[in-house]
Amino acid sequence: MVDDTVQGRARERADELPGSELEHPFGPDWDVYKVRGKVFMLMTDVTGEPIVTVKADPEDGKALCQAYDDITPGYHMNKRHWITLRPGGAIPQDLVEDLVTESYLLVVEKLPRARRPVDPSLFGRTDR
């Protein structure tokens, strides 16, 4: 069964990514997804609604916040490098998946090459 909520789509995508691990370093109210020990996604409902926070390129994040009412600067994170996805139905499901993947790749590309579970320049490309 597919979970069509923002958190459900984000969770399903994160679970598919190589080396992705779910942890709870901030307690049971926060789902924290990491790759090789580095955070790429957080989920919680402590705000009163189920939100997803992901890393984003600063210019992309700014554009997304302007384009979607349900995308805001990162909750409790660096507002320049993180965005928060809120429920409301305005964010297309494929965009949620793309944003989780992009967040993951932004983190992976900063890892030493030997620790990367994938090559970020080739991951997801079909023209190899």
Protein backbone atom coordinates (compact mmCIF):
# COMPACT_ATOMS: atom_id res chain seq x y z
CA MET A 1 0.00 0.00 0.00
CA VAL A 2 1.36 3.40 -1.00
CA ASP A 3 1.33 6.20 1.57
CA ASP A 4 0.50 9.35 -0.41
CA THR A 5 1.22 11.79 2.42
CA VAL A 6 4.27 14.03 2.22
CA GLN A 7 5.93 12.06 5.02
CA GLY A 8 4.89 8.73 3.49
CA ARG A 9 6.36 9.53 0.07
CA ALA A 10 9.53 10.96 1.64
CA ARG A 11 9.96 7.90 3.90
CA GLU A 12 9.46 5.47 1.00
CA ARG A 13 12.04 7.30 -1.12
CA ALA A 14 14.57 7.55 1.71
CA ASP A 15 14.23 3.83 2.38
CA GLU A 16 15.15 3.11 -1.27
CA LEU A 17 18.40 5.11 -1.21
CA PRO A 18 21.68 3.15 -0.82
CA GLY A 19 23.19 3.50 2.66
CA SER A 20 20.17 5.36 4.07
CA GLU A 21 19.64 4.74 7.78
CA LEU A 22 16.83 5.79 10.11
CA GLU A 23 17.86 6.96 13.58
CA HIS A 24 16.22 8.73 16.51
CA PRO A 25 19.03 10.84 18.07
CA PHE A 26 16.56 13.54 19.22
CA GLY A 27 14.03 11.13 20.71
CA PRO A 28 11.06 9.20 19.34
CA ASP A 29 9.32 12.31 17.95
CA TRP A 30 11.99 12.85 15.28
CA ASP A 31 12.80 10.45 12.44
CA VAL A 32 16.30 11.32 11.24
CA TYR A 33 17.58 9.82 7.99
CA LYS A 34 21.33 9.69 7.53
CA VAL A 35 23.80 8.46 4.95
CA ARG A 36 27.20 7.47 6.35
CA GLY A 37 26.37 9.32 9.57
CA LYS A 38 25.32 12.60 7.90
CA VAL A 39 21.73 13.88 8.08
CA PHE A 40 19.84 14.34 4.82
CA MET A 41 16.21 14.30 6.03
CA LEU A 42 14.23 14.86 9.23
CA MET A 43 10.55 14.15 9.90
CA THR A 44 8.39 15.10 12.87
CA ASP A 45 4.93 16.22 13.87
CA VAL A 46 5.99 18.21 16.94
CA THR A 47 4.88 21.35 15.07
CA GLY A 48 1.28 20.10 15.10
CA GLU A 49 1.49 18.85 11.52
CA PRO A 50 3.59 16.12 9.87
CA ILE A 51 6.56 17.86 8.24
CA VAL A 52 9.63 16.77 6.28
CA THR A 53 12.85 18.79 6.27
CA VAL A 54 15.47 18.23 3.57
CA LYS A 55 18.71 19.82 2.42
CA ALA A 56 18.48 21.97 -0.72
CA ASP A 57 20.74 24.09 -2.87
CA PRO A 58 20.20 27.66 -1.58
CA GLU A 59 18.92 29.03 -4.92
CA ASP A 60 16.67 26.02 -5.50
CA GLY A 61 15.31 26.28 -1.97
CA LYS A 62 14.52 29.95 -2.41
CA ALA A 63 12.71 29.29 -5.70
CA LEU A 64 10.75 26.39 -4.20
CA CYS A 65 9.63 28.51 -1.23
CA GLN A 66 8.37 31.14 -3.67
CA ALA A 67 6.63 28.58 -5.90
CA TYR A 68 4.86 26.51 -3.20
CA ASP A 69 3.04 27.71 -0.10
CA ASP A 70 3.69 24.29 1.46
CA ILE A 71 7.49 24.66 1.18
CA THR A 72 9.13 26.94 3.75
CA PRO A 73 12.66 27.57 5.05
CA GLY A 74 13.90 24.65 7.17
CA TYR A 75 12.25 24.21 10.57
CA HIS A 76 14.94 24.41 13.27
CA MET A 77 17.64 24.22 10.59
CA ASN A 78 19.85 26.59 8.60
CA LYS A 79 17.23 28.51 6.59
CA ARG A 80 19.60 28.90 3.63
CA HIS A 81 20.44 25.22 3.17
CA TRP A 82 17.30 23.39 4.37
CA ILE A 83 13.62 23.50 3.41
CA THR A 84 10.54 22.10 5.12
CA LEU A 85 7.74 20.37 3.23
CA ARG A 86 4.32 20.72 4.83
CA PRO A 87 1.12 18.77 4.14
CA GLY A 88 -1.57 20.49 2.16
CA GLY A 89 -1.63 18.71 -1.16
CA ALA A 90 0.08 21.39 -3.24
CA ILE A 91 3.43 19.60 -3.52
CA PRO A 92 3.42 16.98 -6.31
CA GLN A 93 4.40 13.51 -5.09
CA ASP A 94 7.20 13.20 -7.64
CA LEU A 95 8.63 16.52 -6.40
CA VAL A 96 8.71 15.17 -2.82
CA GLU A 97 10.68 12.15 -4.06
CA ASP A 98 13.02 14.35 -6.13
CA LEU A 99 13.70 16.65 -3.17
CA VAL A 100 14.55 13.71 -0.90
CA THR A 101 16.90 12.33 -3.58
CA GLU A 102 18.53 15.71 -4.14
CA SER A 103 19.05 16.17 -0.38
CA TYR A 104 20.67 12.72 -0.20
CA LEU A 105 22.97 13.52 -3.14
CA LEU A 106 23.98 16.90 -1.67
CA VAL A 107 25.16 15.05 1.43
CA VAL A 108 26.79 12.17 -0.47
CA GLU A 109 28.83 14.51 -2.67
CA LYS A 110 30.43 16.03 0.45
CA LEU A 111 31.56 12.62 1.72
CA PRO A 112 35.08 11.35 0.99
CA ARG A 113 34.93 9.30 -2.24
CA ALA A 114 35.78 6.06 -0.42
CA ARG A 115 32.73 6.47 1.88
CA ARG A 116 30.17 7.30 -0.82
CA PRO A 117 27.53 4.57 -1.32
CA VAL A 118 26.93 5.91 -4.86
CA ASP A 119 28.60 8.24 -7.35
CA PRO A 120 26.46 11.39 -7.05
CA SER A 121 27.24 12.46 -10.61
CA LEU A 122 25.84 9.20 -12.03
CA PHE A 123 23.13 8.23 -9.52
CA GLY A 124 19.71 8.00 -11.12
CA ARG A 125 20.93 8.74 -14.65
CA THR A 126 19.58 6.48 -17.34
CA ASP A 127 21.90 7.57 -20.17
CA ARG A 128 24.95 5.63 -18.96
